[in-house]
Amino acid sequence: MIRFQFVDDARNDHSVKRLCEVLKLNRSSYYKWKNTSATRKKRLLSDAILGARVKAVFTKERGCYGAKRITAELNDDSTATPVNHKKVARIMRSLKLFGYSKKRKITTPVSEGKKSVFPDLVGRKFTAEHPNRVYVGDITYLPIADGSNMYLATVIDCYSRRLVGFAIADHMRTSLVQDALG
């Protein structure tokens, strides 16, 4: 810490006790910091070496691997000491390396309240004797680059299996289906 470093630099001019009192530090904390400086340097060196190994695996896998996969890759090497995924994650954060993660699937909205059940007018029979007698439709969502969705409503003639109409909108309301029919 910077305050401990200040005490260490100024201890020739003032007593350590007085410096710690002014800076509101415990003397034992200062001495612990001073006695563990070699350990901190060794940890920084080992983190730098591990960081180089992590970066090598990350670039080899073209940025697709996250902390757990990189840890598994590093632990597969029998010559190196095993490493924990939390340490790899900490080092990846410090190096600003972020693995590729798929975006979550966005679920379509569900109406609240009591859902009305409509009768099956087609009777699960998707064939027709004459054209323009039986239409079926569907709504699907199309993900957009900005993370939102557009909705596509289609209407198909069951006799000819041809597309009768379609409509695209940023909502999934009844007007979307009406536009597809019109």
Protein backbone atom coordinates (compact mmCIF):
# COMPACT_ATOMS: atom_id res chain seq x y z
CA MET A 1 0.00 0.00 0.00
CA ILE A 2 1.07 3.58 -0.57
CA ARG A 3 0.73 4.55 3.11
CA PHE A 4 3.01 1.72 4.20
CA GLN A 5 5.52 2.77 1.54
CA PHE A 6 5.39 6.34 2.89
CA VAL A 7 6.11 5.08 6.42
CA ASP A 8 9.01 3.03 5.08
CA ASP A 9 10.46 6.04 3.23
CA ALA A 10 10.06 8.46 6.17
CA ARG A 11 11.17 6.16 9.01
CA ASN A 12 14.71 7.61 8.99
CA ASP A 13 13.39 11.10 9.81
CA HIS A 14 10.55 10.13 12.20
CA SER A 15 9.71 7.20 14.39
CA VAL A 16 7.60 4.42 12.95
CA LYS A 17 5.27 4.68 15.94
CA ARG A 18 4.58 8.39 15.31
CA LEU A 19 4.12 7.93 11.54
CA CYS A 20 1.64 5.10 12.12
CA GLU A 21 -0.30 7.20 14.63
CA VAL A 22 -0.57 10.14 12.22
CA LEU A 23 -1.62 7.93 9.30
CA LYS A 24 -3.94 5.85 11.53
CA LEU A 25 -2.16 2.60 10.75
CA ASN A 26 -1.40 -0.31 13.03
CA ARG A 27 2.32 -0.75 13.58
CA SER A 28 1.90 -4.51 13.31
CA SER A 29 0.31 -4.05 9.88
CA TYR A 30 3.29 -1.98 8.74
CA TYR A 31 5.77 -4.59 9.95
CA LYS A 32 3.76 -7.39 8.36
CA TRP A 33 3.77 -5.46 5.07
CA LYS A 34 7.53 -4.95 5.37
CA ASN A 35 8.24 -8.62 6.20
CA THR A 36 6.10 -9.96 3.35
CA SER A 37 7.59 -7.82 0.58
CA ALA A 38 9.62 -10.76 -0.76
CA THR A 39 6.49 -12.92 -0.88
CA ARG A 40 4.59 -10.18 -2.74
CA LYS A 41 7.37 -9.86 -5.30
CA LYS A 42 7.42 -13.62 -5.78
CA ARG A 43 3.61 -13.65 -6.24
CA LEU A 44 3.82 -10.82 -8.79
CA LEU A 45 6.48 -12.74 -10.70
CA SER A 46 4.45 -15.98 -10.67
CA ASP A 47 1.34 -14.04 -11.75
CA ALA A 48 3.29 -12.51 -14.64
CA ILE A 49 4.48 -15.96 -15.76
CA LEU A 50 0.98 -17.41 -15.42
CA GLY A 51 -0.40 -14.36 -17.25
CA ALA A 52 1.88 -15.10 -20.20
CA ARG A 53 0.67 -18.72 -20.26
CA VAL A 54 -2.98 -17.60 -20.02
CA LYS A 55 -2.51 -15.10 -22.84
CA ALA A 56 -0.85 -17.77 -25.00
CA VAL A 57 -3.81 -20.16 -24.55
CA PHE A 58 -6.28 -17.30 -25.05
CA THR A 59 -4.72 -16.26 -28.38
CA LYS A 60 -4.28 -19.88 -29.50
CA GLU A 61 -8.02 -20.43 -29.03
CA ARG A 62 -8.84 -17.09 -30.75
CA GLY A 63 -10.45 -15.58 -27.67
CA CYS A 64 -13.17 -18.20 -27.32
CA TYR A 65 -12.04 -19.73 -24.03
CA GLY A 66 -13.08 -18.37 -20.66
CA ALA A 67 -11.36 -18.81 -17.30
CA LYS A 68 -12.53 -22.37 -16.63
CA ARG A 69 -11.56 -23.70 -20.05
CA ILE A 70 -8.18 -21.98 -19.89
CA THR A 71 -7.66 -23.48 -16.42
CA ALA A 72 -8.44 -26.95 -17.78
CA GLU A 73 -6.02 -26.37 -20.65
CA LEU A 74 -3.27 -25.22 -18.28
CA ASN A 75 -3.88 -28.12 -15.89
CA ASP A 76 -3.62 -30.63 -18.76
CA ASP A 77 0.07 -29.74 -18.96
CA SER A 78 1.60 -32.22 -16.49
CA THR A 79 4.91 -30.34 -16.16
CA ALA A 80 3.34 -27.21 -14.65
CA THR A 81 1.82 -26.85 -11.20
CA PRO A 82 -1.99 -26.95 -11.06
CA VAL A 83 -3.77 -23.62 -11.03
CA ASN A 84 -7.19 -22.58 -9.70
CA HIS A 85 -9.84 -21.13 -12.03
CA LYS A 86 -10.37 -18.15 -9.70
CA LYS A 87 -6.72 -17.17 -10.04
CA VAL A 88 -6.95 -17.52 -13.82
CA ALA A 89 -10.11 -15.37 -13.80
CA ARG A 90 -8.35 -12.70 -11.71
CA ILE A 91 -5.38 -12.66 -14.08
CA MET A 92 -7.66 -12.53 -17.12
CA ARG A 93 -9.46 -9.52 -15.62
CA SER A 94 -6.16 -7.76 -14.97
CA LEU A 95 -5.07 -8.43 -18.58
CA LYS A 96 -8.53 -7.38 -19.85
CA LEU A 97 -9.08 -10.75 -21.55
CA PHE A 98 -12.72 -11.77 -21.84
CA GLY A 99 -13.84 -15.07 -23.33
CA TYR A 100 -16.58 -15.30 -25.92
CA SER A 101 -20.01 -15.98 -24.47
CA LYS A 102 -23.17 -16.62 -26.41
CA LYS A 103 -25.99 -14.21 -25.87
CA ARG A 104 -28.90 -15.48 -23.86
CA LYS A 105 -31.94 -16.65 -25.72
CA ILE A 106 -34.61 -14.02 -25.36
CA THR A 107 -37.98 -15.43 -24.53
CA THR A 108 -41.04 -13.96 -26.10
CA PRO A 109 -43.46 -12.11 -23.86
CA VAL A 110 -46.17 -14.04 -22.07
CA SER A 111 -49.46 -12.32 -21.43
CA GLU A 112 -50.34 -11.87 -17.79
CA GLY A 113 -53.65 -12.79 -16.27
CA LYS A 114 -55.97 -15.53 -17.41
CA LYS A 115 -54.98 -16.96 -20.76
CA SER A 116 -57.86 -17.49 -23.13
CA VAL A 117 -57.81 -20.79 -25.00
CA PHE A 118 -59.12 -20.58 -28.54
CA PRO A 119 -60.78 -23.53 -30.26
CA ASP A 120 -58.81 -25.48 -32.87
CA LEU A 121 -60.79 -24.48 -35.98
CA VAL A 122 -58.52 -26.44 -38.33
CA GLY A 123 -58.82 -29.61 -36.25
CA ARG A 124 -55.11 -30.39 -36.74
CA LYS A 125 -55.95 -31.13 -40.41
CA PHE A 126 -53.54 -29.02 -42.44
CA THR A 127 -54.89 -29.89 -45.87
CA ALA A 128 -57.73 -28.27 -47.82
CA GLU A 129 -59.96 -29.39 -50.70
CA HIS A 130 -60.04 -25.96 -52.39
CA PRO A 131 -57.76 -22.92 -52.44
CA ASN A 132 -58.32 -19.97 -50.09
CA ARG A 133 -60.50 -21.99 -47.69
CA VAL A 134 -58.04 -22.76 -44.86
CA TYR A 135 -55.27 -20.42 -43.77
CA VAL A 136 -52.72 -21.10 -41.05
CA GLY A 137 -50.25 -18.70 -39.54
CA ASP A 138 -47.22 -18.43 -37.33
CA ILE A 139 -45.24 -15.76 -35.54
CA THR A 140 -41.49 -16.00 -35.08
CA TYR A 141 -38.96 -13.59 -33.68
CA LEU A 142 -35.90 -12.38 -35.54
CA PRO A 143 -32.96 -11.25 -33.38
CA ILE A 144 -31.43 -7.92 -34.38
CA ALA A 145 -27.77 -6.90 -33.95
CA ASP A 146 -28.59 -4.38 -31.20
CA GLY A 147 -30.09 -7.14 -29.02
CA SER A 148 -33.76 -6.40 -29.64
CA ASN A 149 -36.20 -8.49 -31.67
CA MET A 150 -38.42 -8.01 -34.67
CA TYR A 151 -41.45 -10.27 -35.10
CA LEU A 152 -42.46 -11.93 -38.38
CA ALA A 153 -46.06 -13.06 -38.85
CA THR A 154 -46.84 -15.30 -41.84
CA VAL A 155 -50.09 -16.64 -43.28
CA ILE A 156 -50.06 -19.75 -45.51
CA ASP A 157 -52.82 -21.27 -47.66
CA CYS A 158 -53.19 -24.96 -46.70
CA TYR A 159 -54.26 -26.00 -50.21
CA SER A 160 -51.38 -24.61 -52.26
CA ARG A 161 -48.85 -24.20 -49.39
CA ARG A 162 -48.12 -20.73 -50.70
CA LEU A 163 -47.46 -17.65 -48.66
CA VAL A 164 -50.57 -15.50 -48.61
CA GLY A 165 -49.16 -12.64 -46.59
CA PHE A 166 -46.62 -11.56 -44.04
CA ALA A 167 -45.86 -8.62 -41.77
CA ILE A 168 -42.85 -7.55 -39.72
CA ALA A 169 -43.03 -5.34 -36.63
CA ASP A 170 -41.25 -4.66 -33.37
CA HIS A 171 -44.21 -5.93 -31.33
CA MET A 172 -46.24 -9.12 -31.09
CA ARG A 173 -49.80 -7.86 -30.93
CA THR A 174 -52.97 -8.75 -32.81
CA SER A 175 -52.40 -5.92 -35.28
CA LEU A 176 -49.30 -7.74 -36.56
CA VAL A 177 -51.38 -10.77 -37.58
CA GLN A 178 -54.09 -8.54 -39.06
CA ASP A 179 -51.46 -6.79 -41.20
CA ALA A 180 -50.21 -10.18 -42.41
CA LEU A 181 -53.74 -11.12 -43.49
CA GLY A 182 -54.40 -7.77 -45.18
